PDB file of N, CA and C in Angstrom:
ATOM      1  N   MET A   1     103.470 165.429  92.564  1.00  0.00           N
ATOM      2  CA  MET A   1     102.421 164.928  93.434  1.00  0.00           C
ATOM      3  C   MET A   1     102.130 163.453  93.156  1.00  0.00           C
ATOM      4  N   ALA A   2     102.161 163.071  91.866  1.00  0.00           N
ATOM      5  CA  ALA A   2     101.858 161.690  91.496  1.00  0.00           C
ATOM      6  C   ALA A   2     102.861 160.726  92.122  1.00  0.00           C
ATOM      7  N   TRP A   3     104.131 161.138  92.210  1.00  0.00           N
ATOM      8  CA  TRP A   3     105.149 160.268  92.801  1.00  0.00           C
ATOM      9  C   TRP A   3     104.887 160.047  94.287  1.00  0.00           C
ATOM     10  N   ILE A   4     104.500 161.089  94.977  1.00  0.00           N
ATOM     11  CA  ILE A   4     104.215 160.964  96.412  1.00  0.00           C
ATOM     12  C   ILE A   4     103.024 160.022  96.624  1.00  0.00           C
ATOM     13  N   VAL A   5     101.983 160.217  95.837  1.00  0.00           N
ATOM     14  CA  VAL A   5     100.802 159.358  95.942  1.00  0.00           C
ATOM     15  C   VAL A   5     101.175 157.911  95.615  1.00  0.00           C
ATOM     16  N   LEU A   6     102.030 157.718  94.615  1.00  0.00           N
ATOM     17  CA  LEU A   6     102.450 156.372  94.234  1.00  0.00           C
ATOM     18  C   LEU A   6     103.218 155.683  95.360  1.00  0.00           C
ATOM     19  N   VAL A   7     104.122 156.405  95.994  1.00  0.00           N
ATOM     20  CA  VAL A   7     104.885 155.825  97.107  1.00  0.00           C
ATOM     21  C   VAL A   7     103.946 155.476  98.268  1.00  0.00           C
ATOM     22  N   LEU A   8     103.043 156.373  98.605  1.00  0.00           N
ATOM     23  CA  LEU A   8     102.083 156.083  99.676  1.00  0.00           C
ATOM     24  C   LEU A   8     101.191 154.895  99.317  1.00  0.00           C
ATOM     25  N   SER A   9     100.835 154.767  98.054  1.00  0.00           N
ATOM     26  CA  SER A   9     100.032 153.629  97.610  1.00  0.00           C
ATOM     27  C   SER A   9     100.816 152.331  97.739  1.00  0.00           C
ATOM     28  N   GLY A  10     102.126 152.394  97.479  1.00  0.00           N
ATOM     29  CA  GLY A  10     102.977 151.225  97.667  1.00  0.00           C
ATOM     30  C   GLY A  10     103.060 150.815  99.124  1.00  0.00           C
ATOM     31  N   VAL A  11     103.123 151.796 100.009  1.00  0.00           N
ATOM     32  CA  VAL A  11     103.116 151.512 101.450  1.00  0.00           C
ATOM     33  C   VAL A  11     101.792 150.851 101.836  1.00  0.00           C
ATOM     34  N   LEU A  12     100.698 151.386 101.304  1.00  0.00           N
ATOM     35  CA  LEU A  12      99.385 150.798 101.596  1.00  0.00           C
ATOM     36  C   LEU A  12      99.246 149.389 101.017  1.00  0.00           C
ATOM     37  N   GLU A  13      99.977 149.106  99.942  1.00  0.00           N
ATOM     38  CA  GLU A  13      99.962 147.741  99.420  1.00  0.00           C
ATOM     39  C   GLU A  13     100.544 146.783 100.457  1.00  0.00           C
ATOM     40  N   ALA A  14     101.630 147.202 101.107  1.00  0.00           N
ATOM     41  CA  ALA A  14     102.215 146.367 102.161  1.00  0.00           C
ATOM     42  C   ALA A  14     101.244 146.207 103.324  1.00  0.00           C
ATOM     43  N   VAL A  15     100.500 147.252 103.629  1.00  0.00           N
ATOM     44  CA  VAL A  15      99.519 147.183 104.718  1.00  0.00           C
ATOM     45  C   VAL A  15      98.433 146.172 104.376  1.00  0.00           C
ATOM     46  N   TRP A  16      97.873 146.264 103.169  1.00  0.00           N
ATOM     47  CA  TRP A  16      96.784 145.332 102.847  1.00  0.00           C
ATOM     48  C   TRP A  16      97.279 143.911 102.691  1.00  0.00           C
ATOM     49  N   ALA A  17      98.490 143.728 102.178  1.00  0.00           N
ATOM     50  CA  ALA A  17      99.021 142.363 102.052  1.00  0.00           C
ATOM     51  C   ALA A  17      99.233 141.732 103.427  1.00  0.00           C
ATOM     52  N   THR A  18      99.765 142.506 104.353  1.00  0.00           N
ATOM     53  CA  THR A  18      99.983 142.012 105.710  1.00  0.00           C
ATOM     54  C   THR A  18      98.642 141.744 106.400  1.00  0.00           C
ATOM     55  N   ALA A  19      97.702 142.659 106.239  1.00  0.00           N
ATOM     56  CA  ALA A  19      96.374 142.471 106.845  1.00  0.00           C
ATOM     57  C   ALA A  19      95.672 141.248 106.262  1.00  0.00           C
ATOM     58  N   LEU A  20      95.856 141.017 104.975  1.00  0.00           N
ATOM     59  CA  LEU A  20      95.242 139.846 104.356  1.00  0.00           C
ATOM     60  C   LEU A  20      95.764 138.562 104.992  1.00  0.00           C
ATOM     61  N   GLY A  21      97.051 138.529 105.269  1.00  0.00           N
ATOM     62  CA  GLY A  21      97.622 137.368 105.940  1.00  0.00           C
ATOM     63  C   GLY A  21      97.089 137.178 107.344  1.00  0.00           C
ATOM     64  N   LYS A  22      96.840 138.274 108.026  1.00  0.00           N
ATOM     65  CA  LYS A  22      96.341 138.206 109.404  1.00  0.00           C
ATOM     66  C   LYS A  22      94.824 138.009 109.484  1.00  0.00           C
ATOM     67  N   ALA A  23      94.122 138.181 108.363  1.00  0.00           N
ATOM     68  CA  ALA A  23      92.664 138.072 108.358  1.00  0.00           C
ATOM     69  C   ALA A  23      92.186 136.625 108.440  1.00  0.00           C
ATOM     70  N   ALA A  24      93.077 135.675 108.246  1.00  0.00           N
ATOM     71  CA  ALA A  24      92.753 134.241 108.353  1.00  0.00           C
ATOM     72  C   ALA A  24      91.523 133.882 107.524  1.00  0.00           C
ATOM     73  N   GLY A  25      91.614 134.178 106.216  1.00  0.00           N
ATOM     74  CA  GLY A  25      90.490 133.852 105.338  1.00  0.00           C
ATOM     75  C   GLY A  25      89.263 134.701 105.613  1.00  0.00           C
ATOM     76  N   PHE A  26      89.477 135.919 106.042  1.00  0.00           N
ATOM     77  CA  PHE A  26      88.412 136.880 106.376  1.00  0.00           C
ATOM     78  C   PHE A  26      87.552 136.420 107.547  1.00  0.00           C
ATOM     79  N   THR A  27      88.130 135.628 108.438  1.00  0.00           N
ATOM     80  CA  THR A  27      87.397 135.208 109.637  1.00  0.00           C
ATOM     81  C   THR A  27      87.670 136.134 110.812  1.00  0.00           C
ATOM     82  N   ARG A  28      88.665 137.002 110.697  1.00  0.00           N
ATOM     83  CA  ARG A  28      88.965 137.969 111.761  1.00  0.00           C
ATOM     84  C   ARG A  28      88.568 139.352 111.261  1.00  0.00           C
ATOM     85  N   LEU A  29      87.715 140.031 112.022  1.00  0.00           N
ATOM     86  CA  LEU A  29      87.087 141.271 111.567  1.00  0.00           C
ATOM     87  C   LEU A  29      88.077 142.421 111.387  1.00  0.00           C
ATOM     88  N   ALA A  30      88.857 142.733 112.401  1.00  0.00           N
ATOM     89  CA  ALA A  30      89.728 143.912 112.333  1.00  0.00           C
ATOM     90  C   ALA A  30      90.717 143.844 111.165  1.00  0.00           C
ATOM     91  N   PRO A  31      91.473 142.752 111.013  1.00  0.00           N
ATOM     92  CA  PRO A  31      92.383 142.706 109.866  1.00  0.00           C
ATOM     93  C   PRO A  31      91.647 142.717 108.525  1.00  0.00           C
ATOM     94  N   SER A  32      90.444 142.179 108.486  1.00  0.00           N
ATOM     95  CA  SER A  32      89.661 142.185 107.251  1.00  0.00           C
ATOM     96  C   SER A  32      89.265 143.607 106.873  1.00  0.00           C
ATOM     97  N   ILE A  33      88.895 144.401 107.860  1.00  0.00           N
ATOM     98  CA  ILE A  33      88.538 145.806 107.607  1.00  0.00           C
ATOM     99  C   ILE A  33      89.768 146.594 107.174  1.00  0.00           C
ATOM    100  N   VAL A  34      90.896 146.383 107.868  1.00  0.00           N
ATOM    101  CA  VAL A  34      92.147 147.054 107.478  1.00  0.00           C
ATOM    102  C   VAL A  34      92.500 146.689 106.046  1.00  0.00           C
ATOM    103  N   PHE A  35      92.358 145.406 105.697  1.00  0.00           N
ATOM    104  CA  PHE A  35      92.631 144.955 104.335  1.00  0.00           C
ATOM    105  C   PHE A  35      91.778 145.727 103.325  1.00  0.00           C
ATOM    106  N   LEU A  36      90.474 145.781 103.552  1.00  0.00           N
ATOM    107  CA  LEU A  36      89.578 146.417 102.586  1.00  0.00           C
ATOM    108  C   LEU A  36      89.849 147.911 102.434  1.00  0.00           C
ATOM    109  N   VAL A  37      90.093 148.596 103.544  1.00  0.00           N
ATOM    110  CA  VAL A  37      90.363 150.035 103.488  1.00  0.00           C
ATOM    111  C   VAL A  37      91.699 150.305 102.800  1.00  0.00           C
ATOM    112  N   ALA A  38      92.739 149.570 103.197  1.00  0.00           N
ATOM    113  CA  ALA A  38      94.060 149.778 102.607  1.00  0.00           C
ATOM    114  C   ALA A  38      94.066 149.416 101.129  1.00  0.00           C
ATOM    115  N   LEU A  39      93.371 148.339 100.767  1.00  0.00           N
ATOM    116  CA  LEU A  39      93.285 147.930  99.364  1.00  0.00           C
ATOM    117  C   LEU A  39      92.622 149.016  98.525  1.00  0.00           C
ATOM    118  N   THR A  40      91.521 149.535  99.016  1.00  0.00           N
ATOM    119  CA  THR A  40      90.795 150.573  98.284  1.00  0.00           C
ATOM    120  C   THR A  40      91.652 151.818  98.102  1.00  0.00           C
ATOM    121  N   LEU A  41      92.281 152.277  99.176  1.00  0.00           N
ATOM    122  CA  LEU A  41      93.117 153.476  99.085  1.00  0.00           C
ATOM    123  C   LEU A  41      94.351 153.246  98.217  1.00  0.00           C
ATOM    124  N   SER A  42      94.944 152.056  98.326  1.00  0.00           N
ATOM    125  CA  SER A  42      96.121 151.738  97.533  1.00  0.00           C
ATOM    126  C   SER A  42      95.796 151.731  96.038  1.00  0.00           C
ATOM    127  N   MET A  43      94.706 151.104  95.674  1.00  0.00           N
ATOM    128  CA  MET A  43      94.305 151.049  94.264  1.00  0.00           C
ATOM    129  C   MET A  43      93.925 152.431  93.740  1.00  0.00           C
ATOM    130  N   ALA A  44      93.244 153.206  94.554  1.00  0.00           N
ATOM    131  CA  ALA A  44      92.865 154.562  94.137  1.00  0.00           C
ATOM    132  C   ALA A  44      94.104 155.421  93.913  1.00  0.00           C
ATOM    133  N   GLY A  45      95.079 155.283  94.801  1.00  0.00           N
ATOM    134  CA  GLY A  45      96.323 156.036  94.640  1.00  0.00           C
ATOM    135  C   GLY A  45      97.093 155.598  93.413  1.00  0.00           C
ATOM    136  N   LEU A  46      97.141 154.299  93.155  1.00  0.00           N
ATOM    137  CA  LEU A  46      97.811 153.796  91.955  1.00  0.00           C
ATOM    138  C   LEU A  46      97.115 154.327  90.703  1.00  0.00           C
ATOM    139  N   ALA A  47      95.808 154.300  90.696  1.00  0.00           N
ATOM    140  CA  ALA A  47      95.055 154.814  89.550  1.00  0.00           C
ATOM    141  C   ALA A  47      95.321 156.300  89.336  1.00  0.00           C
ATOM    142  N   TYR A  48      95.391 157.051  90.427  1.00  0.00           N
ATOM    143  CA  TYR A  48      95.677 158.487  90.333  1.00  0.00           C
ATOM    144  C   TYR A  48      97.063 158.716  89.737  1.00  0.00           C
ATOM    145  N   ALA A  49      98.041 157.985  90.235  1.00  0.00           N
ATOM    146  CA  ALA A  49      99.410 158.155  89.750  1.00  0.00           C
ATOM    147  C   ALA A  49      99.525 157.792  88.274  1.00  0.00           C
ATOM    148  N   MET A  50      98.777 156.793  87.842  1.00  0.00           N
ATOM    149  CA  MET A  50      98.844 156.346  86.451  1.00  0.00           C
ATOM    150  C   MET A  50      98.230 157.346  85.477  1.00  0.00           C
ATOM    151  N   ARG A  51      97.554 158.351  85.994  1.00  0.00           N
ATOM    152  CA  ARG A  51      97.029 159.379  85.092  1.00  0.00           C
ATOM    153  C   ARG A  51      98.152 160.213  84.510  1.00  0.00           C
ATOM    154  N   THR A  52      99.277 160.337  85.238  1.00  0.00           N
ATOM    155  CA  THR A  52     100.376 161.170  84.744  1.00  0.00           C
ATOM    156  C   THR A  52     101.687 160.406  84.557  1.00  0.00           C
ATOM    157  N   LEU A  53     101.849 159.267  85.211  1.00  0.00           N
ATOM    158  CA  LEU A  53     103.083 158.483  85.099  1.00  0.00           C
ATOM    159  C   LEU A  53     102.838 157.292  84.185  1.00  0.00           C
ATOM    160  N   PRO A  54     103.893 156.796  83.555  1.00  0.00           N
ATOM    161  CA  PRO A  54     103.728 155.609  82.702  1.00  0.00           C
ATOM    162  C   PRO A  54     103.195 154.415  83.499  1.00  0.00           C
ATOM    163  N   ILE A  55     102.348 153.630  82.874  1.00  0.00           N
ATOM    164  CA  ILE A  55     101.707 152.507  83.553  1.00  0.00           C
ATOM    165  C   ILE A  55     102.727 151.496  84.050  1.00  0.00           C
ATOM    166  N   GLY A  56     103.663 151.103  83.194  1.00  0.00           N
ATOM    167  CA  GLY A  56     104.660 150.105  83.582  1.00  0.00           C
ATOM    168  C   GLY A  56     105.518 150.563  84.740  1.00  0.00           C
ATOM    169  N   THR A  57     105.976 151.790  84.678  1.00  0.00           N
ATOM    170  CA  THR A  57     106.795 152.344  85.758  1.00  0.00           C
ATOM    171  C   THR A  57     105.991 152.431  87.042  1.00  0.00           C
ATOM    172  N   SER A  58     104.773 152.923  86.944  1.00  0.00           N
ATOM    173  CA  SER A  58     103.920 153.054  88.130  1.00  0.00           C
ATOM    174  C   SER A  58     103.698 151.714  88.798  1.00  0.00           C
ATOM    175  N   TYR A  59     103.350 150.719  88.003  1.00  0.00           N
ATOM    176  CA  TYR A  59     103.053 149.404  88.561  1.00  0.00           C
ATOM    177  C   TYR A  59     104.301 148.772  89.174  1.00  0.00           C
ATOM    178  N   ALA A  60     105.431 148.887  88.483  1.00  0.00           N
ATOM    179  CA  ALA A  60     106.668 148.304  89.000  1.00  0.00           C
ATOM    180  C   ALA A  60     107.069 148.939  90.331  1.00  0.00           C
ATOM    181  N   ILE A  61     106.928 150.234  90.447  1.00  0.00           N
ATOM    182  CA  ILE A  61     107.276 150.919  91.691  1.00  0.00           C
ATOM    183  C   ILE A  61     106.294 150.545  92.793  1.00  0.00           C
ATOM    184  N   TRP A  62     105.027 150.514  92.480  1.00  0.00           N
ATOM    185  CA  TRP A  62     103.986 150.153  93.456  1.00  0.00           C
ATOM    186  C   TRP A  62     104.235 148.750  93.998  1.00  0.00           C
ATOM    187  N   VAL A  63     104.458 147.805  93.107  1.00  0.00           N
ATOM    188  CA  VAL A  63     104.703 146.421  93.526  1.00  0.00           C
ATOM    189  C   VAL A  63     106.022 146.308  94.289  1.00  0.00           C
ATOM    190  N   GLY A  64     107.048 146.978  93.793  1.00  0.00           N
ATOM    191  CA  GLY A  64     108.362 146.903  94.441  1.00  0.00           C
ATOM    192  C   GLY A  64     108.331 147.410  95.870  1.00  0.00           C
ATOM    193  N   ILE A  65     107.717 148.559  96.067  1.00  0.00           N
ATOM    194  CA  ILE A  65     107.599 149.110  97.417  1.00  0.00           C
ATOM    195  C   ILE A  65     106.781 148.184  98.301  1.00  0.00           C
ATOM    196  N   GLY A  66     105.651 147.733  97.786  1.00  0.00           N
ATOM    197  CA  GLY A  66     104.794 146.841  98.566  1.00  0.00           C
ATOM    198  C   GLY A  66     105.487 145.541  98.930  1.00  0.00           C
ATOM    199  N   ALA A  67     106.170 144.941  97.983  1.00  0.00           N
ATOM    200  CA  ALA A  67     106.851 143.667  98.238  1.00  0.00           C
ATOM    201  C   ALA A  67     107.987 143.842  99.244  1.00  0.00           C
ATOM    202  N   ALA A  68     108.796 144.871  99.054  1.00  0.00           N
ATOM    203  CA  ALA A  68     109.926 145.097  99.951  1.00  0.00           C
ATOM    204  C   ALA A  68     109.461 145.362 101.377  1.00  0.00           C
ATOM    205  N   LEU A  69     108.445 146.184 101.529  1.00  0.00           N
ATOM    206  CA  LEU A  69     107.943 146.482 102.876  1.00  0.00           C
ATOM    207  C   LEU A  69     107.245 145.285 103.502  1.00  0.00           C
ATOM    208  N   THR A  70     106.521 144.520 102.701  1.00  0.00           N
ATOM    209  CA  THR A  70     105.813 143.355 103.241  1.00  0.00           C
ATOM    210  C   THR A  70     106.801 142.328 103.772  1.00  0.00           C
ATOM    211  N   VAL A  71     107.795 141.987 102.987  1.00  0.00           N
ATOM    212  CA  VAL A  71     108.762 140.986 103.447  1.00  0.00           C
ATOM    213  C   VAL A  71     109.651 141.571 104.552  1.00  0.00           C
ATOM    214  N   GLY A  72     109.952 142.850 104.484  1.00  0.00           N
ATOM    215  CA  GLY A  72     110.723 143.488 105.555  1.00  0.00           C
ATOM    216  C   GLY A  72     109.984 143.434 106.880  1.00  0.00           C
ATOM    217  N   TYR A  73     108.703 143.743 106.852  1.00  0.00           N
ATOM    218  CA  TYR A  73     107.894 143.668 108.071  1.00  0.00           C
ATOM    219  C   TYR A  73     107.833 142.235 108.591  1.00  0.00           C
ATOM    220  N   ALA A  74     107.658 141.288 107.684  1.00  0.00           N
ATOM    221  CA  ALA A  74     107.579 139.881 108.092  1.00  0.00           C
ATOM    222  C   ALA A  74     108.884 139.425 108.743  1.00  0.00           C
ATOM    223  N   MET A  75     110.007 139.901 108.235  1.00  0.00           N
ATOM    224  CA  MET A  75     111.288 139.526 108.836  1.00  0.00           C
ATOM    225  C   MET A  75     111.475 140.193 110.199  1.00  0.00           C
ATOM    226  N   VAL A  76     111.104 141.453 110.303  1.00  0.00           N
ATOM    227  CA  VAL A  76     111.253 142.170 111.578  1.00  0.00           C
ATOM    228  C   VAL A  76     110.321 141.594 112.641  1.00  0.00           C
ATOM    229  N   SER A  77     109.098 141.235 112.234  1.00  0.00           N
ATOM    230  CA  SER A  77     108.134 140.715 113.201  1.00  0.00           C
ATOM    231  C   SER A  77     108.378 139.244 113.538  1.00  0.00           C
ATOM    232  N   GLY A  78     109.255 138.593 112.806  1.00  0.00           N
ATOM    233  CA  GLY A  78     109.591 137.214 113.105  1.00  0.00           C
ATOM    234  C   GLY A  78     108.720 136.180 112.430  1.00  0.00           C
ATOM    235  N   THR A  79     107.790 136.604 111.580  1.00  0.00           N
ATOM    236  CA  THR A  79     106.954 135.632 110.886  1.00  0.00           C
ATOM    237  C   THR A  79     107.653 135.027 109.676  1.00  0.00           C
ATOM    238  N   GLU A  80     108.772 135.616 109.286  1.00  0.00           N
ATOM    239  CA  GLU A  80     109.593 135.086 108.206  1.00  0.00           C
ATOM    240  C   GLU A  80     111.049 135.214 108.618  1.00  0.00           C
ATOM    241  N   THR A  81     111.833 134.216 108.298  1.00  0.00           N
ATOM    242  CA  THR A  81     113.238 134.256 108.685  1.00  0.00           C
ATOM    243  C   THR A  81     113.993 135.283 107.852  1.00  0.00           C
ATOM    244  N   ALA A  82     114.950 135.916 108.489  1.00  0.00           N
ATOM    245  CA  ALA A  82     115.801 136.887 107.811  1.00  0.00           C
ATOM    246  C   ALA A  82     117.144 136.240 107.520  1.00  0.00           C
ATOM    247  N   SER A  83     117.726 136.621 106.409  1.00  0.00           N
ATOM    248  CA  SER A  83     119.068 136.170 106.070  1.00  0.00           C
ATOM    249  C   SER A  83     119.754 137.268 105.276  1.00  0.00           C
ATOM    250  N   VAL A  84     121.054 137.182 105.205  1.00  0.00           N
ATOM    251  CA  VAL A  84     121.813 138.182 104.451  1.00  0.00           C
ATOM    252  C   VAL A  84     121.377 138.172 102.990  1.00  0.00           C
ATOM    253  N   VAL A  85     121.172 136.987 102.430  1.00  0.00           N
ATOM    254  CA  VAL A  85     120.777 136.886 101.022  1.00  0.00           C
ATOM    255  C   VAL A  85     119.418 137.550 100.798  1.00  0.00           C
ATOM    256  N   LYS A  86     118.442 137.277 101.670  1.00  0.00           N
ATOM    257  CA  LYS A  86     117.119 137.906 101.527  1.00  0.00           C
ATOM    258  C   LYS A  86     117.224 139.423 101.618  1.00  0.00           C
ATOM    259  N   ILE A  87     117.984 139.895 102.564  1.00  0.00           N
ATOM    260  CA  ILE A  87     118.138 141.343 102.736  1.00  0.00           C
ATOM    261  C   ILE A  87     118.787 141.958 101.498  1.00  0.00           C
ATOM    262  N   LEU A  88     119.792 141.312 100.949  1.00  0.00           N
ATOM    263  CA  LEU A  88     120.434 141.825  99.734  1.00  0.00           C
ATOM    264  C   LEU A  88     119.476 141.816  98.540  1.00  0.00           C
ATOM    265  N   LEU A  89     118.670 140.781  98.437  1.00  0.00           N
ATOM    266  CA  LEU A  89     117.700 140.734  97.339  1.00  0.00           C
ATOM    267  C   LEU A  89     116.636 141.813  97.478  1.00  0.00           C
ATOM    268  N   ILE A  90     116.170 142.047  98.688  1.00  0.00           N
ATOM    269  CA  ILE A  90     115.201 143.131  98.918  1.00  0.00           C
ATOM    270  C   ILE A  90     115.852 144.482  98.625  1.00  0.00           C
ATOM    271  N   ALA A  91     117.113 144.642  99.011  1.00  0.00           N
ATOM    272  CA  ALA A  91     117.841 145.879  98.699  1.00  0.00           C
ATOM    273  C   ALA A  91     117.927 146.063  97.184  1.00  0.00           C
ATOM    274  N   GLY A  92     118.055 144.962  96.448  1.00  0.00           N
ATOM    275  CA  GLY A  92     118.061 145.043  94.991  1.00  0.00           C
ATOM    276  C   GLY A  92     116.737 145.545  94.441  1.00  0.00           C
ATOM    277  N   ILE A  93     115.644 145.094  95.021  1.00  0.00           N
ATOM    278  CA  ILE A  93     114.327 145.584  94.601  1.00  0.00           C
ATOM    279  C   ILE A  93     114.224 147.084  94.860  1.00  0.00           C
ATOM    280  N   VAL A  94     114.648 147.501  96.044  1.00  0.00           N
ATOM    281  CA  VAL A  94     114.607 148.929  96.391  1.00  0.00           C
ATOM    282  C   VAL A  94     115.485 149.732  95.427  1.00  0.00           C
ATOM    283  N   ALA A  95     116.658 149.208  95.095  1.00  0.00           N
ATOM    284  CA  ALA A  95     117.554 149.901  94.157  1.00  0.00           C
ATOM    285  C   ALA A  95     116.894 150.027  92.783  1.00  0.00           C
ATOM    286  N   CYS A  96     116.191 149.006  92.355  1.00  0.00           N
ATOM    287  CA  CYS A  96     115.496 149.064  91.069  1.00  0.00           C
ATOM    288  C   CYS A  96     114.374 150.111  91.086  1.00  0.00           C
ATOM    289  N   VAL A  97     113.651 150.185  92.201  1.00  0.00           N
ATOM    290  CA  VAL A  97     112.590 151.202  92.321  1.00  0.00           C
ATOM    291  C   VAL A  97     113.190 152.601  92.249  1.00  0.00           C
ATOM    292  N   VAL A  98     114.283 152.813  92.984  1.00  0.00           N
ATOM    293  CA  VAL A  98     114.951 154.122  92.937  1.00  0.00           C
ATOM    294  C   VAL A  98     115.457 154.408  91.524  1.00  0.00           C
ATOM    295  N   GLY A  99     116.005 153.380  90.874  1.00  0.00           N
ATOM    296  CA  GLY A  99     116.478 153.551  89.512  1.00  0.00           C
ATOM    297  C   GLY A  99     115.377 153.970  88.556  1.00  0.00           C
ATOM    298  N   LEU A 100     114.197 153.401  88.692  1.00  0.00           N
ATOM    299  CA  LEU A 100     113.079 153.799  87.839  1.00  0.00           C
ATOM    300  C   LEU A 100     112.703 155.261  88.050  1.00  0.00           C
ATOM    301  N   LYS A 101     112.778 155.713  89.284  1.00  0.00           N
ATOM    302  CA  LYS A 101     112.470 157.116  89.570  1.00  0.00           C
ATOM    303  C   LYS A 101     113.546 158.022  88.961  1.00  0.00           C
ATOM    304  N   VAL A 102     114.802 157.637  89.141  1.00  0.00           N
ATOM    305  CA  VAL A 102     115.909 158.467  88.633  1.00  0.00           C
ATOM    306  C   VAL A 102     115.866 158.553  87.106  1.00  0.00           C
ATOM    307  N   LEU A 103     115.554 157.445  86.456  1.00  0.00           N
ATOM    308  CA  LEU A 103     115.525 157.442  84.985  1.00  0.00           C
ATOM    309  C   LEU A 103     114.300 158.129  84.398  1.00  0.00           C
ATOM    310  N   HIS A 104     113.263 158.314  85.207  1.00  0.00           N
ATOM    311  CA  HIS A 104     112.038 158.953  84.706  1.00  0.00           C
ATOM    312  C   HIS A 104     112.311 160.373  84.406  1.00  0.00           C
TER     313      HIS A 104
END
């Protein structure tokens, strides 16, 4: 159960990071609310997962998922340029996250 919560928390990290960018310094209401809700749920899920999983592994997976999804979304939406090198580097992050799960 902790792994599922951790993965969902990583997804929510990408949501709050993206919303933070769209909130324009908290001057836009809807993205600011999405940011606060996603941040709260993401942190709560990370805290829950850390009750049974190692802290370092939990944090690395949470950050890895969040970073990969955030930059992936930015590339798909066109707010960040995509390149073969970027895609390969993001794939490396994903491979490392999977590796941490497999080695656990």
